[in-house]
């Protein structure tokens, strides 16, 4: 089984078993935080743990280098409340 099929099969079971229920939260962060971080894979679990963040506490935006190049670019637009 290739990696994509393996991921899709797992996702299918995840949805069928409603395992997503324990992760439900509102779309607004409970701690009213936005964190800009590098997309480094080592930070997947480390960053929230190091900042004592739980699911729903903050918006975490990840990009290459954790930089904002333009004040009206896609990073800023992605966090503006509509």
N, C-alpha and C. Protein backbone atom coordinates (compact mmCIF):
# COMPACT_ATOMS: atom_id res chain seq x y z
N UNK A 1 0.86 -1.18 0.00
CA UNK A 1 0.00 0.00 0.00
C UNK A 1 0.90 1.24 0.00
N UNK A 2 0.64 2.17 -0.91
CA UNK A 2 1.47 3.37 -0.92
C UNK A 2 1.05 4.32 0.19
N UNK A 3 1.87 5.30 0.46
CA UNK A 3 1.67 6.22 1.58
C UNK A 3 0.34 6.96 1.49
N UNK A 4 -0.05 7.44 0.31
CA UNK A 4 -1.31 8.18 0.16
C UNK A 4 -2.50 7.28 0.50
N UNK A 5 -2.51 6.07 -0.01
CA UNK A 5 -3.61 5.14 0.30
C UNK A 5 -3.66 4.82 1.79
N UNK A 6 -2.50 4.69 2.39
CA UNK A 6 -2.43 4.42 3.83
C UNK A 6 -3.05 5.58 4.63
N UNK A 7 -2.71 6.81 4.24
CA UNK A 7 -3.25 8.00 4.90
C UNK A 7 -4.76 8.09 4.70
N UNK A 8 -5.21 7.87 3.47
CA UNK A 8 -6.64 7.96 3.18
C UNK A 8 -7.44 6.88 3.91
N UNK A 9 -6.89 5.69 4.01
CA UNK A 9 -7.57 4.61 4.73
C UNK A 9 -7.69 4.94 6.21
N UNK A 10 -6.62 5.47 6.78
CA UNK A 10 -6.66 5.86 8.18
C UNK A 10 -7.70 6.96 8.39
N UNK A 11 -7.72 7.95 7.51
CA UNK A 11 -8.68 9.05 7.62
C UNK A 11 -10.11 8.55 7.53
N UNK A 12 -10.35 7.61 6.65
CA UNK A 12 -11.69 7.04 6.51
C UNK A 12 -12.15 6.41 7.82
N UNK A 13 -11.28 5.64 8.44
CA UNK A 13 -11.62 5.01 9.73
C UNK A 13 -11.78 6.06 10.83
N UNK A 14 -10.95 7.08 10.80
CA UNK A 14 -11.01 8.17 11.78
C UNK A 14 -12.37 8.85 11.73
N UNK A 15 -12.84 9.14 10.52
CA UNK A 15 -14.14 9.79 10.34
C UNK A 15 -15.28 8.84 10.69
N UNK A 16 -15.22 7.61 10.21
CA UNK A 16 -16.28 6.63 10.49
C UNK A 16 -16.45 6.40 11.99
N UNK A 17 -15.36 6.42 12.74
CA UNK A 17 -15.40 6.21 14.18
C UNK A 17 -15.63 7.50 14.97
N UNK A 18 -15.81 8.60 14.24
CA UNK A 18 -16.06 9.93 14.84
C UNK A 18 -15.00 10.31 15.88
N UNK A 19 -13.77 9.95 15.58
CA UNK A 19 -12.67 10.27 16.49
C UNK A 19 -12.37 11.76 16.53
N UNK A 20 -12.90 12.52 15.58
CA UNK A 20 -12.72 13.96 15.54
C UNK A 20 -13.49 14.68 16.64
N UNK A 21 -14.49 14.01 17.21
CA UNK A 21 -15.36 14.64 18.21
C UNK A 21 -14.56 15.27 19.36
N UNK A 22 -13.53 14.60 19.83
CA UNK A 22 -12.78 15.11 20.97
C UNK A 22 -11.92 16.33 20.62
N UNK A 23 -11.82 16.66 19.34
CA UNK A 23 -11.03 17.81 18.91
C UNK A 23 -11.88 19.02 18.54
N UNK A 24 -13.19 18.89 18.64
CA UNK A 24 -14.07 19.99 18.25
C UNK A 24 -13.84 21.21 19.12
N UNK A 25 -13.85 22.36 18.48
CA UNK A 25 -13.68 23.64 19.15
C UNK A 25 -14.29 24.71 18.26
N UNK A 26 -14.38 25.93 18.76
CA UNK A 26 -14.89 27.01 17.92
C UNK A 26 -13.79 27.45 16.96
N UNK A 27 -14.14 28.28 16.00
CA UNK A 27 -13.11 28.73 15.05
C UNK A 27 -12.27 29.87 15.62
N UNK A 28 -12.68 30.40 16.78
CA UNK A 28 -11.93 31.49 17.40
C UNK A 28 -11.07 30.95 18.54
N UNK A 29 -9.79 31.36 18.60
CA UNK A 29 -8.90 30.82 19.62
C UNK A 29 -9.30 31.26 21.03
N UNK A 30 -9.36 30.31 21.94
CA UNK A 30 -9.77 30.58 23.31
C UNK A 30 -8.87 31.56 24.04
N UNK A 31 -7.58 31.55 23.75
CA UNK A 31 -6.64 32.46 24.41
C UNK A 31 -6.38 33.71 23.57
N UNK A 32 -7.13 33.86 22.49
CA UNK A 32 -7.01 35.03 21.61
C UNK A 32 -5.55 35.28 21.18
N UNK A 33 -4.92 34.21 20.72
CA UNK A 33 -3.53 34.27 20.28
C UNK A 33 -3.38 33.82 18.84
N UNK A 34 -2.42 34.44 18.16
CA UNK A 34 -1.95 33.95 16.87
C UNK A 34 -0.45 33.80 17.01
N UNK A 35 0.05 32.64 16.64
CA UNK A 35 1.48 32.38 16.74
C UNK A 35 2.00 32.11 15.34
N UNK A 36 3.04 32.86 14.95
CA UNK A 36 3.70 32.63 13.67
C UNK A 36 4.93 31.78 13.95
N UNK A 37 5.03 30.66 13.26
CA UNK A 37 6.10 29.71 13.50
C UNK A 37 6.66 29.18 12.19
N UNK A 38 7.85 28.65 12.28
CA UNK A 38 8.44 27.96 11.15
C UNK A 38 7.69 26.65 10.91
N UNK A 39 7.67 26.19 9.68
CA UNK A 39 6.95 24.96 9.35
C UNK A 39 7.79 23.70 9.61
N UNK A 40 8.86 23.84 10.35
CA UNK A 40 9.74 22.73 10.70
C UNK A 40 8.94 21.59 11.34
N UNK A 41 9.08 20.40 10.82
CA UNK A 41 8.31 19.25 11.30
C UNK A 41 8.61 18.90 12.76
N UNK A 42 9.74 19.31 13.27
CA UNK A 42 10.08 19.02 14.67
C UNK A 42 9.20 19.80 15.64
N UNK A 43 8.50 20.81 15.14
CA UNK A 43 7.66 21.65 16.00
C UNK A 43 6.22 21.20 16.10
N UNK A 44 5.84 20.16 15.38
CA UNK A 44 4.44 19.69 15.36
C UNK A 44 3.87 19.52 16.77
N UNK A 45 4.55 18.79 17.60
CA UNK A 45 4.09 18.57 18.98
C UNK A 45 4.83 19.45 19.97
N UNK A 46 6.07 19.80 19.65
CA UNK A 46 6.91 20.56 20.57
C UNK A 46 6.38 21.96 20.85
N UNK A 47 5.99 22.69 19.82
CA UNK A 47 5.57 24.09 20.00
C UNK A 47 4.37 24.23 20.94
N UNK A 48 3.25 23.55 20.69
CA UNK A 48 2.12 23.69 21.62
C UNK A 48 2.47 23.25 23.04
N UNK A 49 3.25 22.18 23.16
CA UNK A 49 3.64 21.67 24.49
C UNK A 49 4.51 22.70 25.21
N UNK A 50 5.46 23.30 24.50
CA UNK A 50 6.37 24.27 25.10
C UNK A 50 5.65 25.55 25.53
N UNK A 51 4.52 25.85 24.88
CA UNK A 51 3.76 27.07 25.20
C UNK A 51 2.50 26.78 26.03
N UNK A 52 2.35 25.53 26.46
CA UNK A 52 1.19 25.10 27.24
C UNK A 52 -0.12 25.40 26.51
N UNK A 53 -0.17 25.08 25.23
CA UNK A 53 -1.37 25.31 24.43
C UNK A 53 -2.11 24.01 24.19
N UNK A 54 -3.40 24.08 24.29
CA UNK A 54 -4.27 22.94 24.00
C UNK A 54 -5.04 23.23 22.71
N UNK A 55 -5.67 22.22 22.16
CA UNK A 55 -6.47 22.39 20.94
C UNK A 55 -7.50 23.50 21.16
N UNK A 56 -7.53 24.48 20.26
CA UNK A 56 -8.49 25.57 20.36
C UNK A 56 -7.98 26.81 21.08
N UNK A 57 -6.78 26.75 21.67
CA UNK A 57 -6.24 27.90 22.40
C UNK A 57 -5.74 29.01 21.49
N UNK A 58 -5.13 28.65 20.35
CA UNK A 58 -4.46 29.63 19.51
C UNK A 58 -4.52 29.22 18.05
N UNK A 59 -4.39 30.21 17.18
CA UNK A 59 -4.18 29.94 15.76
C UNK A 59 -2.66 29.85 15.59
N UNK A 60 -2.20 28.79 14.96
CA UNK A 60 -0.77 28.65 14.69
C UNK A 60 -0.59 28.65 13.19
N UNK A 61 0.10 29.69 12.72
CA UNK A 61 0.36 29.86 11.29
C UNK A 61 1.82 29.48 11.05
N UNK A 62 2.04 28.55 10.14
CA UNK A 62 3.40 28.09 9.87
C UNK A 62 3.77 28.40 8.43
N UNK A 63 4.97 28.90 8.26
CA UNK A 63 5.50 29.09 6.91
C UNK A 63 7.02 28.92 6.94
N UNK A 64 7.62 28.94 5.78
CA UNK A 64 9.07 28.77 5.70
C UNK A 64 9.77 29.98 6.30
N UNK A 65 10.52 29.78 7.35
CA UNK A 65 11.28 30.85 7.97
C UNK A 65 10.53 31.67 9.00
N UNK A 66 9.25 31.42 9.20
CA UNK A 66 8.44 32.16 10.17
C UNK A 66 8.56 33.67 9.94
N UNK A 67 8.42 34.07 8.69
CA UNK A 67 8.55 35.50 8.36
C UNK A 67 7.29 36.01 7.67
N UNK A 68 7.03 37.30 7.87
CA UNK A 68 5.95 37.99 7.16
C UNK A 68 6.62 38.97 6.22
N UNK A 69 6.43 38.77 4.94
CA UNK A 69 7.12 39.58 3.94
C UNK A 69 6.35 40.83 3.55
N UNK A 70 5.05 40.82 3.71
CA UNK A 70 4.24 41.95 3.28
C UNK A 70 3.10 42.15 4.28
N UNK A 71 2.86 43.40 4.72
CA UNK A 71 1.82 43.63 5.73
C UNK A 71 0.41 43.27 5.29
N UNK A 72 0.19 43.14 4.00
CA UNK A 72 -1.13 42.78 3.50
C UNK A 72 -1.10 41.46 2.72
N UNK A 73 -0.09 40.65 2.99
CA UNK A 73 0.07 39.38 2.30
C UNK A 73 -0.85 38.30 2.86
N UNK A 74 -0.69 37.10 2.35
CA UNK A 74 -1.59 36.00 2.69
C UNK A 74 -1.53 35.61 4.17
N UNK A 75 -0.38 35.77 4.80
CA UNK A 75 -0.27 35.41 6.23
C UNK A 75 -1.19 36.31 7.05
N UNK A 76 -1.10 37.60 6.85
CA UNK A 76 -1.94 38.54 7.61
C UNK A 76 -3.41 38.35 7.24
N UNK A 77 -3.69 38.17 5.97
CA UNK A 77 -5.09 37.98 5.55
C UNK A 77 -5.69 36.71 6.16
N UNK A 78 -4.86 35.72 6.40
CA UNK A 78 -5.38 34.45 6.93
C UNK A 78 -5.80 34.56 8.39
N UNK A 79 -5.37 35.58 9.10
CA UNK A 79 -5.72 35.69 10.52
C UNK A 79 -6.71 36.81 10.83
N UNK A 80 -7.04 37.62 9.83
CA UNK A 80 -7.99 38.71 10.06
C UNK A 80 -9.38 38.14 10.26
N UNK A 81 -10.03 38.57 11.33
CA UNK A 81 -11.39 38.11 11.64
C UNK A 81 -12.37 38.71 10.64
N UNK A 82 -13.18 37.85 10.06
CA UNK A 82 -14.17 38.32 9.09
C UNK A 82 -15.53 38.33 9.70
